[in-house]
Amino acid sequence: MRIFISGPSGVGKSTIIRELLIRDPEILLSISYTTRSPRPSEINGREYFFIETPEFEKMISESDFLEWAHVHKDYYGTSIKWVDEMEKQGKSILFDIDVQGVRQARAKGSEGSYIMIIPPDMTELEKRLVGRGTESRESLGIRLENAIKELSCWEMYDYIVVNDSLERAVEDIQTIIRAYGLTGKQVAGRTAWLQKIK
C-alpha cells in the first residue's frame, strides 16, 4: 500500500514518520531521485538516488515519475518503477510529500491513504517554530504563510490527523494504515480465492 503524509513545517511530521518506521519494519520510506549533490554522510540509494539533470529531465519526458518538483535549482522526484518494484516485494511505501506532490499523485490515479498532519491551531504551530530557535522573524513569517497555503488544501486528503500528542498522532496513522489494509481491494489482492466467489 501507499501512505502519503503531508504537513506544514513545524507540525512534527518528520518525528511522526520516524516513529512509524521504527514501529513497522514492513513500511519503507520512499527514496527520491534528485539532481543535487550528495552531502558527505549521504549514500546513493539510501537517502536519494543521485543523478544528473539531463537524465532527470529525460525521465520527466518519459513520464517515469509519480511526482516531481523543481526546488532551489534542483529536481526531486519519485520513480514509478521503483515504487512498483518495492510493492512487488510486499513493502508498504511511505511518502513524505508536499501538497504539490499529492496533487500530481492524485492526478496519476495513485491509490493509497492520503494523510495531512495538522497542528492543534496556528498559535501552537508558531510556538513550535519559534521553539526551534532556528527561524529569523522573516523566515518565521514565510513559514507561517506557507503553512496556511498548505493547510488550505486539506480537502485533497482522505484523513486529517491533529498532532496535539505524538503518541496519539502515531496511533491514529497506524489505525488508518490497518484499516486501509482491510479494504476490499487490498484483501482481494492478497487472497486470490476470494475473487472466485460470486
C-alpha atoms as a PDB file:
ATOM      1  CA  MET A   1       0.000   0.000   0.000  1.00  0.00           C
ATOM      2  CA  ARG A   2       0.971   3.622  -0.412  1.00  0.00           C
ATOM      3  CA  ILE A   3       0.877   6.058   2.504  1.00  0.00           C
ATOM      4  CA  PHE A   4       1.134   9.723   1.579  1.00  0.00           C
ATOM      5  CA  ILE A   5       1.877  12.060   4.501  1.00  0.00           C
ATOM      6  CA  SER A   6       1.991  15.858   4.300  1.00  0.00           C
ATOM      7  CA  GLY A   7       2.084  18.669   6.805  1.00  0.00           C
ATOM      8  CA  PRO A   8       3.434  22.181   7.201  1.00  0.00           C
ATOM      9  CA  SER A   9       6.883  22.908   8.602  1.00  0.00           C
ATOM     10  CA  GLY A  10       6.876  22.645  12.395  1.00  0.00           C
ATOM     11  CA  VAL A  11       3.921  20.270  12.638  1.00  0.00           C
ATOM     12  CA  GLY A  12       6.108  17.324  13.714  1.00  0.00           C
ATOM     13  CA  LYS A  13       5.784  15.297  10.513  1.00  0.00           C
ATOM     14  CA  SER A  14       9.405  14.073  10.477  1.00  0.00           C
ATOM     15  CA  THR A  15       9.178  12.868  14.082  1.00  0.00           C
ATOM     16  CA  ILE A  16       5.917  11.033  13.372  1.00  0.00           C
ATOM     17  CA  ILE A  17       7.339   9.390  10.242  1.00  0.00           C
ATOM     18  CA  ARG A  18      10.477   8.311  12.088  1.00  0.00           C
ATOM     19  CA  GLU A  19       8.326   6.685  14.791  1.00  0.00           C
ATOM     20  CA  LEU A  20       6.125   4.901  12.223  1.00  0.00           C
ATOM     21  CA  LEU A  21       9.202   3.430  10.527  1.00  0.00           C
ATOM     22  CA  ILE A  22      10.577   2.199  13.860  1.00  0.00           C
ATOM     23  CA  ARG A  23       7.288   0.519  14.800  1.00  0.00           C
ATOM     24  CA  ASP A  24       6.612  -1.186  11.466  1.00  0.00           C
ATOM     25  CA  PRO A  25       9.564  -2.683   9.542  1.00  0.00           C
ATOM     26  CA  GLU A  26       7.236  -3.501   6.620  1.00  0.00           C
ATOM     27  CA  ILE A  27       6.921   0.227   5.891  1.00  0.00           C
ATOM     28  CA  LEU A  28       9.622   1.636   3.636  1.00  0.00           C
ATOM     29  CA  LEU A  29      10.298   5.355   3.284  1.00  0.00           C
ATOM     30  CA  SER A  30      10.202   6.372  -0.365  1.00  0.00           C
ATOM     31  CA  ILE A  31      13.620   7.193  -1.824  1.00  0.00           C
ATOM     32  CA  SER A  32      13.530  10.072  -4.296  1.00  0.00           C
ATOM     33  CA  TYR A  33      15.708  10.824  -7.275  1.00  0.00           C
ATOM     34  CA  THR A  34      17.497  14.171  -7.128  1.00  0.00           C
ATOM     35  CA  THR A  35      19.945  16.243  -9.140  1.00  0.00           C
ATOM     36  CA  ARG A  36      21.508  17.896  -6.107  1.00  0.00           C
ATOM     37  CA  SER A  37      24.958  16.835  -4.950  1.00  0.00           C
ATOM     38  CA  PRO A  38      25.145  14.312  -2.100  1.00  0.00           C
ATOM     39  CA  ARG A  39      26.169  15.564   1.324  1.00  0.00           C
ATOM     40  CA  PRO A  40      29.199  13.877   2.975  1.00  0.00           C
ATOM     41  CA  SER A  41      27.080  11.486   5.063  1.00  0.00           C
ATOM     42  CA  GLU A  42      24.678  10.540   2.254  1.00  0.00           C
ATOM     43  CA  ILE A  43      24.882   7.324   0.233  1.00  0.00           C
ATOM     44  CA  ASN A  44      23.403   6.855  -3.219  1.00  0.00           C
ATOM     45  CA  GLY A  45      20.334   4.625  -2.955  1.00  0.00           C
ATOM     46  CA  ARG A  46      19.876   5.209   0.778  1.00  0.00           C
ATOM     47  CA  GLU A  47      18.902   8.874   1.224  1.00  0.00           C
ATOM     48  CA  TYR A  48      18.401   9.589  -2.503  1.00  0.00           C
ATOM     49  CA  PHE A  49      19.235   8.319  -5.950  1.00  0.00           C
ATOM     50  CA  PHE A  50      21.654  10.991  -7.190  1.00  0.00           C
ATOM     51  CA  ILE A  51      21.552  11.603 -10.945  1.00  0.00           C
ATOM     52  CA  GLU A  52      22.495  14.356 -13.388  1.00  0.00           C
ATOM     53  CA  THR A  53      19.999  16.931 -14.666  1.00  0.00           C
ATOM     54  CA  PRO A  54      19.820  15.606 -18.288  1.00  0.00           C
ATOM     55  CA  GLU A  55      18.943  12.120 -17.005  1.00  0.00           C
ATOM     56  CA  PHE A  56      16.270  13.534 -14.682  1.00  0.00           C
ATOM     57  CA  GLU A  57      14.752  15.612 -17.482  1.00  0.00           C
ATOM     58  CA  LYS A  58      14.720  12.528 -19.719  1.00  0.00           C
ATOM     59  CA  MET A  59      12.781  10.679 -17.011  1.00  0.00           C
ATOM     60  CA  ILE A  60      10.288  13.568 -16.856  1.00  0.00           C
ATOM     61  CA  SER A  61       9.801  13.444 -20.636  1.00  0.00           C
ATOM     62  CA  GLU A  62       9.158   9.689 -20.426  1.00  0.00           C
ATOM     63  CA  SER A  63       6.620  10.119 -17.552  1.00  0.00           C
ATOM     64  CA  ASP A  64       8.756   7.995 -15.228  1.00  0.00           C
ATOM     65  CA  PHE A  65       7.828   9.949 -12.088  1.00  0.00           C
ATOM     66  CA  LEU A  66       4.837   9.532  -9.825  1.00  0.00           C
ATOM     67  CA  GLU A  67       5.541  13.104  -8.736  1.00  0.00           C
ATOM     68  CA  TRP A  68       8.403  15.547  -9.174  1.00  0.00           C
ATOM     69  CA  ALA A  69       9.326  19.113  -8.303  1.00  0.00           C
ATOM     70  CA  HIS A  70      11.976  21.726  -9.060  1.00  0.00           C
ATOM     71  CA  VAL A  71      13.192  23.106  -5.732  1.00  0.00           C
ATOM     72  CA  HIS A  72      16.060  25.565  -5.175  1.00  0.00           C
ATOM     73  CA  LYS A  73      17.605  24.871  -8.606  1.00  0.00           C
ATOM     74  CA  ASP A  74      17.453  21.096  -8.177  1.00  0.00           C
ATOM     75  CA  TYR A  75      14.977  18.402  -9.209  1.00  0.00           C
ATOM     76  CA  TYR A  76      13.385  15.859  -6.870  1.00  0.00           C
ATOM     77  CA  GLY A  77      11.080  13.044  -7.940  1.00  0.00           C
ATOM     78  CA  THR A  78       9.656   9.609  -7.106  1.00  0.00           C
ATOM     79  CA  SER A  79      10.163   6.858  -9.674  1.00  0.00           C
ATOM     80  CA  ILE A  80       7.021   4.879 -10.527  1.00  0.00           C
ATOM     81  CA  LYS A  81       9.193   1.857 -11.413  1.00  0.00           C
ATOM     82  CA  TRP A  82      10.952   1.927  -8.010  1.00  0.00           C
ATOM     83  CA  VAL A  83       7.632   2.117  -6.142  1.00  0.00           C
ATOM     84  CA  ASP A  84       6.189  -0.762  -8.175  1.00  0.00           C
ATOM     85  CA  GLU A  85       9.273  -2.910  -7.515  1.00  0.00           C
ATOM     86  CA  MET A  86       9.107  -2.309  -3.754  1.00  0.00           C
ATOM     87  CA  GLU A  87       5.395  -3.147  -3.694  1.00  0.00           C
ATOM     88  CA  LYS A  88       6.090  -6.430  -5.519  1.00  0.00           C
ATOM     89  CA  GLN A  89       8.424  -7.253  -2.612  1.00  0.00           C
ATOM     90  CA  GLY A  90       5.488  -6.767  -0.228  1.00  0.00           C
ATOM     91  CA  LYS A  91       6.578  -3.399   1.131  1.00  0.00           C
ATOM     92  CA  SER A  92       4.248  -0.567   2.043  1.00  0.00           C
ATOM     93  CA  ILE A  93       5.685   2.718   0.790  1.00  0.00           C
ATOM     94  CA  LEU A  94       5.507   5.858   2.907  1.00  0.00           C
ATOM     95  CA  PHE A  95       5.798   9.150   1.049  1.00  0.00           C
ATOM     96  CA  ASP A  96       6.940  12.288   2.878  1.00  0.00           C
ATOM     97  CA  ILE A  97       5.314  14.563   0.339  1.00  0.00           C
ATOM     98  CA  ASP A  98       4.153  18.142  -0.129  1.00  0.00           C
ATOM     99  CA  VAL A  99       0.823  19.394  -1.449  1.00  0.00           C
ATOM    100  CA  GLN A 100       2.163  19.716  -4.993  1.00  0.00           C
ATOM    101  CA  GLY A 101       3.301  16.091  -4.936  1.00  0.00           C
ATOM    102  CA  VAL A 102      -0.062  14.905  -3.631  1.00  0.00           C
ATOM    103  CA  ARG A 103      -1.803  16.775  -6.436  1.00  0.00           C
ATOM    104  CA  GLN A 104       0.395  15.004  -9.015  1.00  0.00           C
ATOM    105  CA  ALA A 105      -0.020  11.566  -7.421  1.00  0.00           C
ATOM    106  CA  ARG A 106      -3.801  12.019  -7.315  1.00  0.00           C
ATOM    107  CA  ALA A 107      -3.808  13.102 -10.971  1.00  0.00           C
ATOM    108  CA  LYS A 108      -1.950   9.883 -11.880  1.00  0.00           C
ATOM    109  CA  GLY A 109      -4.568   7.829 -10.039  1.00  0.00           C
ATOM    110  CA  SER A 110      -2.175   6.553  -7.382  1.00  0.00           C
ATOM    111  CA  GLU A 111      -4.269   4.707  -4.808  1.00  0.00           C
ATOM    112  CA  GLY A 112      -3.402   4.778  -1.130  1.00  0.00           C
ATOM    113  CA  SER A 113      -4.044   6.663   2.090  1.00  0.00           C
ATOM    114  CA  TYR A 114      -3.526  10.412   1.812  1.00  0.00           C
ATOM    115  CA  ILE A 115      -2.929  11.888   5.272  1.00  0.00           C
ATOM    116  CA  MET A 116      -2.416  15.505   6.289  1.00  0.00           C
ATOM    117  CA  ILE A 117      -0.910  16.210   9.693  1.00  0.00           C
ATOM    118  CA  ILE A 118      -2.088  19.485  11.179  1.00  0.00           C
ATOM    119  CA  PRO A 119      -1.277  21.398  14.388  1.00  0.00           C
ATOM    120  CA  PRO A 120      -3.951  21.937  17.084  1.00  0.00           C
ATOM    121  CA  ASP A 121      -4.086  25.571  15.864  1.00  0.00           C
ATOM    122  CA  MET A 122      -1.886  28.219  14.255  1.00  0.00           C
ATOM    123  CA  THR A 123      -0.803  29.628  17.609  1.00  0.00           C
ATOM    124  CA  GLU A 124       0.669  26.261  18.550  1.00  0.00           C
ATOM    125  CA  LEU A 125       2.383  25.936  15.171  1.00  0.00           C
ATOM    126  CA  GLU A 126       4.018  29.339  15.599  1.00  0.00           C
ATOM    127  CA  LYS A 127       5.099  28.370  19.111  1.00  0.00           C
ATOM    128  CA  ARG A 128       6.752  25.193  17.801  1.00  0.00           C
ATOM    129  CA  LEU A 129       8.563  27.060  15.031  1.00  0.00           C
ATOM    130  CA  VAL A 130       9.820  29.694  17.480  1.00  0.00           C
ATOM    131  CA  GLY A 131      10.874  26.911  19.862  1.00  0.00           C
ATOM    132  CA  ARG A 132      13.284  25.532  17.286  1.00  0.00           C
ATOM    133  CA  GLY A 133      15.402  28.643  17.704  1.00  0.00           C
ATOM    134  CA  THR A 134      16.434  28.467  14.057  1.00  0.00           C
ATOM    135  CA  GLU A 135      13.999  30.906  12.457  1.00  0.00           C
ATOM    136  CA  SER A 136      14.531  34.625  11.904  1.00  0.00           C
ATOM    137  CA  ARG A 137      11.448  36.848  12.134  1.00  0.00           C
ATOM    138  CA  GLU A 138      11.312  36.997   8.325  1.00  0.00           C
ATOM    139  CA  SER A 139      11.758  33.234   7.932  1.00  0.00           C
ATOM    140  CA  LEU A 140       9.088  32.576  10.550  1.00  0.00           C
ATOM    141  CA  GLY A 141       6.616  34.766   8.664  1.00  0.00           C
ATOM    142  CA  ILE A 142       7.313  32.931   5.397  1.00  0.00           C
ATOM    143  CA  ARG A 143       6.880  29.530   7.026  1.00  0.00           C
ATOM    144  CA  LEU A 144       3.563  30.551   8.582  1.00  0.00           C
ATOM    145  CA  GLU A 145       2.316  31.923   5.255  1.00  0.00           C
ATOM    146  CA  ASN A 146       3.319  28.685   3.537  1.00  0.00           C
ATOM    147  CA  ALA A 147       1.622  26.675   6.278  1.00  0.00           C
ATOM    148  CA  ILE A 148      -1.679  28.479   5.669  1.00  0.00           C
ATOM    149  CA  LYS A 149      -1.415  27.759   1.929  1.00  0.00           C
ATOM    150  CA  GLU A 150      -0.728  24.074   2.595  1.00  0.00           C
ATOM    151  CA  LEU A 151      -3.471  23.708   5.179  1.00  0.00           C
ATOM    152  CA  SER A 152      -5.988  25.285   2.808  1.00  0.00           C
ATOM    153  CA  CYS A 153      -5.599  22.172   0.620  1.00  0.00           C
ATOM    154  CA  TRP A 154      -6.860  19.826   3.343  1.00  0.00           C
ATOM    155  CA  GLU A 155      -9.778  18.615   1.209  1.00  0.00           C
ATOM    156  CA  MET A 156      -7.341  16.761  -1.111  1.00  0.00           C
ATOM    157  CA  TYR A 157      -6.619  14.311   1.707  1.00  0.00           C
ATOM    158  CA  ASP A 158      -8.517  11.265   2.942  1.00  0.00           C
ATOM    159  CA  TYR A 159      -7.555  11.786   6.575  1.00  0.00           C
ATOM    160  CA  ILE A 160      -6.633  14.687   8.828  1.00  0.00           C
ATOM    161  CA  VAL A 161      -4.510  13.862  11.893  1.00  0.00           C
ATOM    162  CA  VAL A 162      -4.108  16.502  14.603  1.00  0.00           C
ATOM    163  CA  ASN A 163      -0.661  16.341  16.193  1.00  0.00           C
ATOM    164  CA  ASP A 164      -1.511  17.500  19.694  1.00  0.00           C
ATOM    165  CA  SER A 165       0.203  14.389  21.101  1.00  0.00           C
ATOM    166  CA  LEU A 166       2.950  12.446  19.333  1.00  0.00           C
ATOM    167  CA  GLU A 167       1.738   9.095  20.664  1.00  0.00           C
ATOM    168  CA  ARG A 168      -1.874   9.740  19.658  1.00  0.00           C
ATOM    169  CA  ALA A 169      -0.899  11.020  16.202  1.00  0.00           C
ATOM    170  CA  VAL A 170       1.241   7.937  15.517  1.00  0.00           C
ATOM    171  CA  GLU A 171      -1.506   5.623  16.754  1.00  0.00           C
ATOM    172  CA  ASP A 172      -4.068   7.404  14.568  1.00  0.00           C
ATOM    173  CA  ILE A 173      -1.929   6.872  11.479  1.00  0.00           C
ATOM    174  CA  GLN A 174      -1.296   3.223  12.399  1.00  0.00           C
ATOM    175  CA  THR A 175      -5.079   2.784  12.641  1.00  0.00           C
ATOM    176  CA  ILE A 176      -5.522   4.353   9.196  1.00  0.00           C
ATOM    177  CA  ILE A 177      -2.876   2.007   7.750  1.00  0.00           C
ATOM    178  CA  ARG A 178      -4.502  -1.073   9.317  1.00  0.00           C
ATOM    179  CA  ALA A 179      -7.958  -0.029   8.107  1.00  0.00           C
ATOM    180  CA  TYR A 180      -6.720   0.565   4.558  1.00  0.00           C
ATOM    181  CA  GLY A 181      -5.193  -2.908   4.575  1.00  0.00           C
ATOM    182  CA  LEU A 182      -8.655  -4.344   5.252  1.00  0.00           C
ATOM    183  CA  THR A 183     -10.425  -2.620   2.356  1.00  0.00           C
ATOM    184  CA  GLY A 184     -11.968  -4.920  -0.250  1.00  0.00           C
ATOM    185  CA  LYS A 185      -9.422  -4.196  -2.952  1.00  0.00           C
ATOM    186  CA  GLN A 186      -6.443  -4.765  -0.633  1.00  0.00           C
ATOM    187  CA  VAL A 187      -7.814  -8.016   0.805  1.00  0.00           C
ATOM    188  CA  ALA A 188      -8.836  -9.346  -2.607  1.00  0.00           C
ATOM    189  CA  GLY A 189      -5.340  -8.685  -3.895  1.00  0.00           C
ATOM    190  CA  ARG A 190      -3.871 -10.924  -1.182  1.00  0.00           C
ATOM    191  CA  THR A 191      -6.487 -13.690  -1.320  1.00  0.00           C
ATOM    192  CA  ALA A 192      -6.996 -14.922  -4.873  1.00  0.00           C
ATOM    193  CA  TRP A 193      -9.615 -17.466  -3.789  1.00  0.00           C
ATOM    194  CA  LEU A 194     -11.939 -14.656  -2.669  1.00  0.00           C
ATOM    195  CA  GLN A 195     -12.158 -13.327  -6.212  1.00  0.00           C
ATOM    196  CA  LYS A 196     -13.582 -16.658  -7.405  1.00  0.00           C
ATOM    197  CA  ILE A 197     -16.626 -16.346  -5.145  1.00  0.00           C
ATOM    198  CA  LYS A 198     -19.573 -14.817  -6.964  1.00  0.00           C
END
